Amino acid sequence: MNKYKVRYHFSNDFYVMREVEAEGNKEGVLEAYSSGDRISFEDKRGDLISFLMKDVKLITIEDERTKYTNIAGF
């Protein structure tokens, strides 16, 4: 299992991050964690996060081997 950080960007300076473990590559993670009209999950602090995918402008995925953070630009 690989660890990934999935970031759902709503604007240039606001995003929600979800940490997941999954088999496969980033493309598979993108498909698994961006399908559906509504995304809901509990973050590592225990807060329930829920939003509509139609409000998401960009999704970035970082794996545990990545040593830098991608910056989203709009």
N, C-alpha and C. Protein backbone atom coordinates (compact mmCIF):
# COMPACT_ATOMS: atom_id res chain seq x y z
N MET A 1 0.84 -1.18 0.00
CA MET A 1 0.00 0.00 0.00
C MET A 1 0.89 1.25 0.00
N ASN A 2 0.50 2.20 -0.82
CA ASN A 2 1.20 3.47 -0.89
C ASN A 2 0.36 4.54 -0.20
N LYS A 3 1.03 5.54 0.36
CA LYS A 3 0.34 6.66 1.00
C LYS A 3 0.31 7.85 0.05
N TYR A 4 -0.85 8.50 -0.01
CA TYR A 4 -1.05 9.65 -0.89
C TYR A 4 -1.74 10.77 -0.15
N LYS A 5 -1.46 12.00 -0.57
CA LYS A 5 -2.19 13.17 -0.11
C LYS A 5 -3.00 13.68 -1.29
N VAL A 6 -4.32 13.66 -1.15
CA VAL A 6 -5.22 14.14 -2.19
C VAL A 6 -5.70 15.51 -1.76
N ARG A 7 -5.45 16.51 -2.60
CA ARG A 7 -5.88 17.88 -2.30
C ARG A 7 -6.97 18.29 -3.28
N TYR A 8 -8.09 18.72 -2.71
CA TYR A 8 -9.22 19.23 -3.48
C TYR A 8 -9.17 20.76 -3.38
N HIS A 9 -8.82 21.42 -4.48
CA HIS A 9 -8.65 22.87 -4.50
C HIS A 9 -9.96 23.55 -4.91
N PHE A 10 -10.39 24.51 -4.10
CA PHE A 10 -11.61 25.25 -4.38
C PHE A 10 -11.30 26.65 -4.92
N SER A 11 -10.12 27.15 -4.63
CA SER A 11 -9.64 28.42 -5.16
C SER A 11 -8.12 28.38 -5.09
N ASN A 12 -7.48 29.46 -5.47
CA ASN A 12 -6.03 29.50 -5.51
C ASN A 12 -5.41 29.30 -4.13
N ASP A 13 -6.09 29.73 -3.08
CA ASP A 13 -5.51 29.67 -1.74
C ASP A 13 -6.34 28.87 -0.73
N PHE A 14 -7.28 28.04 -1.20
CA PHE A 14 -8.08 27.23 -0.29
C PHE A 14 -8.23 25.81 -0.84
N TYR A 15 -7.83 24.84 -0.02
CA TYR A 15 -8.01 23.44 -0.40
C TYR A 15 -8.27 22.60 0.84
N VAL A 16 -8.78 21.40 0.62
CA VAL A 16 -8.99 20.40 1.65
C VAL A 16 -8.10 19.22 1.31
N MET A 17 -7.39 18.68 2.31
CA MET A 17 -6.49 17.57 2.05
C MET A 17 -7.01 16.29 2.70
N ARG A 18 -6.87 15.21 1.97
CA ARG A 18 -7.28 13.88 2.43
C ARG A 18 -6.09 12.95 2.31
N GLU A 19 -5.71 12.29 3.39
CA GLU A 19 -4.62 11.33 3.34
C GLU A 19 -5.21 9.94 3.17
N VAL A 20 -4.72 9.21 2.18
CA VAL A 20 -5.26 7.88 1.88
C VAL A 20 -4.13 6.88 1.66
N GLU A 21 -4.45 5.61 1.81
CA GLU A 21 -3.55 4.51 1.44
C GLU A 21 -4.24 3.73 0.34
N ALA A 22 -3.51 3.45 -0.72
CA ALA A 22 -4.12 2.77 -1.86
C ALA A 22 -3.06 1.99 -2.63
N GLU A 23 -3.53 0.98 -3.33
CA GLU A 23 -2.69 0.24 -4.26
C GLU A 23 -2.64 1.01 -5.58
N GLY A 24 -1.63 0.75 -6.37
CA GLY A 24 -1.60 1.34 -7.70
C GLY A 24 -0.92 2.69 -7.75
N ASN A 25 -1.26 3.42 -8.83
CA ASN A 25 -0.59 4.69 -9.11
C ASN A 25 -1.49 5.89 -8.85
N LYS A 26 -0.97 7.08 -9.12
CA LYS A 26 -1.71 8.31 -8.88
C LYS A 26 -2.99 8.39 -9.71
N GLU A 27 -2.95 7.90 -10.93
CA GLU A 27 -4.14 7.93 -11.78
C GLU A 27 -5.28 7.11 -11.17
N GLY A 28 -4.94 5.96 -10.61
CA GLY A 28 -5.93 5.13 -9.95
C GLY A 28 -6.50 5.80 -8.71
N VAL A 29 -5.64 6.48 -7.97
CA VAL A 29 -6.09 7.22 -6.79
C VAL A 29 -7.02 8.35 -7.21
N LEU A 30 -6.68 9.04 -8.28
CA LEU A 30 -7.54 10.12 -8.79
C LEU A 30 -8.92 9.60 -9.12
N GLU A 31 -8.99 8.48 -9.82
CA GLU A 31 -10.30 7.90 -10.18
C GLU A 31 -11.08 7.48 -8.94
N ALA A 32 -10.40 6.86 -7.98
CA ALA A 32 -11.08 6.33 -6.80
C ALA A 32 -11.59 7.43 -5.87
N TYR A 33 -10.88 8.54 -5.80
CA TYR A 33 -11.21 9.57 -4.81
C TYR A 33 -11.76 10.86 -5.43
N SER A 34 -12.22 10.78 -6.68
CA SER A 34 -12.86 11.95 -7.29
C SER A 34 -14.16 11.58 -7.99
N SER A 35 -14.58 10.34 -7.87
CA SER A 35 -15.82 9.93 -8.53
C SER A 35 -17.02 10.25 -7.63
N GLY A 36 -18.12 10.50 -8.25
CA GLY A 36 -19.34 10.82 -7.50
C GLY A 36 -19.59 12.31 -7.45
N ASP A 37 -20.81 12.66 -7.07
CA ASP A 37 -21.20 14.07 -6.99
C ASP A 37 -20.77 14.71 -5.68
N ARG A 38 -20.74 13.94 -4.62
CA ARG A 38 -20.39 14.45 -3.29
C ARG A 38 -19.26 13.61 -2.71
N ILE A 39 -18.30 14.29 -2.10
CA ILE A 39 -17.19 13.63 -1.42
C ILE A 39 -17.38 13.87 0.08
N SER A 40 -17.29 12.82 0.87
CA SER A 40 -17.37 12.92 2.32
C SER A 40 -16.31 12.03 2.94
N PHE A 41 -15.61 12.55 3.94
CA PHE A 41 -14.60 11.77 4.65
C PHE A 41 -14.30 12.43 5.99
N GLU A 42 -13.69 11.65 6.87
CA GLU A 42 -13.26 12.17 8.16
C GLU A 42 -11.77 12.46 8.07
N ASP A 43 -11.37 13.68 8.43
CA ASP A 43 -9.95 14.02 8.36
C ASP A 43 -9.21 13.48 9.59
N LYS A 44 -7.90 13.67 9.64
CA LYS A 44 -7.11 13.08 10.71
C LYS A 44 -7.38 13.70 12.07
N ARG A 45 -8.05 14.88 12.11
CA ARG A 45 -8.46 15.48 13.38
C ARG A 45 -9.81 14.94 13.85
N GLY A 46 -10.50 14.20 12.98
CA GLY A 46 -11.79 13.65 13.33
C GLY A 46 -12.96 14.47 12.84
N ASP A 47 -12.69 15.55 12.08
CA ASP A 47 -13.76 16.38 11.53
C ASP A 47 -14.34 15.71 10.29
N LEU A 48 -15.66 15.75 10.16
CA LEU A 48 -16.30 15.24 8.95
C LEU A 48 -16.28 16.32 7.89
N ILE A 49 -15.73 16.01 6.73
CA ILE A 49 -15.63 16.93 5.60
C ILE A 49 -16.58 16.44 4.52
N SER A 50 -17.36 17.34 3.94
CA SER A 50 -18.28 16.97 2.87
C SER A 50 -18.42 18.16 1.92
N PHE A 51 -18.34 17.88 0.62
CA PHE A 51 -18.46 18.93 -0.39
C PHE A 51 -18.91 18.34 -1.71
N LEU A 52 -19.35 19.20 -2.59
CA LEU A 52 -19.78 18.78 -3.92
C LEU A 52 -18.61 18.88 -4.88
N MET A 53 -18.45 17.88 -5.72
CA MET A 53 -17.35 17.88 -6.68
C MET A 53 -17.48 19.01 -7.70
N LYS A 54 -18.69 19.50 -7.95
CA LYS A 54 -18.86 20.59 -8.91
C LYS A 54 -18.18 21.87 -8.43
N ASP A 55 -17.89 21.97 -7.12
CA ASP A 55 -17.22 23.15 -6.57
C ASP A 55 -15.70 23.05 -6.60
N VAL A 56 -15.17 21.87 -6.91
CA VAL A 56 -13.72 21.65 -6.94
C VAL A 56 -13.17 22.13 -8.28
N LYS A 57 -12.12 22.94 -8.22
CA LYS A 57 -11.49 23.48 -9.43
C LYS A 57 -10.31 22.64 -9.91
N LEU A 58 -9.62 21.98 -8.97
CA LEU A 58 -8.41 21.24 -9.30
C LEU A 58 -8.19 20.18 -8.23
N ILE A 59 -7.67 19.02 -8.63
CA ILE A 59 -7.28 17.97 -7.69
C ILE A 59 -5.80 17.68 -7.91
N THR A 60 -5.01 17.72 -6.83
CA THR A 60 -3.60 17.33 -6.92
C THR A 60 -3.37 16.13 -6.01
N ILE A 61 -2.46 15.26 -6.44
CA ILE A 61 -2.15 14.05 -5.68
C ILE A 61 -0.64 13.98 -5.49
N GLU A 62 -0.24 13.80 -4.25
CA GLU A 62 1.17 13.72 -3.90
C GLU A 62 1.40 12.37 -3.24
N ASP A 63 2.44 11.65 -3.66
CA ASP A 63 2.72 10.38 -3.00
C ASP A 63 3.78 10.59 -1.93
N GLU A 64 3.97 9.56 -1.10
CA GLU A 64 4.87 9.69 0.04
C GLU A 64 6.33 9.90 -0.37
N ARG A 65 6.65 9.59 -1.59
CA ARG A 65 8.03 9.76 -2.07
C ARG A 65 8.31 11.16 -2.57
N THR A 66 7.27 11.95 -2.77
CA THR A 66 7.44 13.31 -3.28
C THR A 66 8.05 14.19 -2.20
N LYS A 67 9.08 14.93 -2.56
CA LYS A 67 9.78 15.76 -1.59
C LYS A 67 9.41 17.22 -1.68
N TYR A 68 8.45 17.55 -2.51
CA TYR A 68 8.02 18.93 -2.66
C TYR A 68 6.50 18.98 -2.68
N THR A 69 5.97 20.17 -2.50
CA THR A 69 4.52 20.36 -2.54
C THR A 69 4.15 21.05 -3.85
N ASN A 70 3.18 20.49 -4.55
CA ASN A 70 2.69 21.12 -5.76
C ASN A 70 1.90 22.36 -5.39
N ILE A 71 2.08 23.43 -6.15
CA ILE A 71 1.33 24.65 -5.92
C ILE A 71 0.34 24.80 -7.06
N ALA A 72 -0.92 24.93 -6.70
CA ALA A 72 -1.97 25.08 -7.71
C ALA A 72 -2.09 26.53 -8.12
N GLY A 73 -2.20 26.77 -9.39
CA GLY A 73 -2.41 28.12 -9.87
C GLY A 73 -3.67 28.17 -10.73
N PHE A 74 -4.38 29.25 -10.61
CA PHE A 74 -5.62 29.41 -11.36
C PHE A 74 -5.54 30.63 -12.24
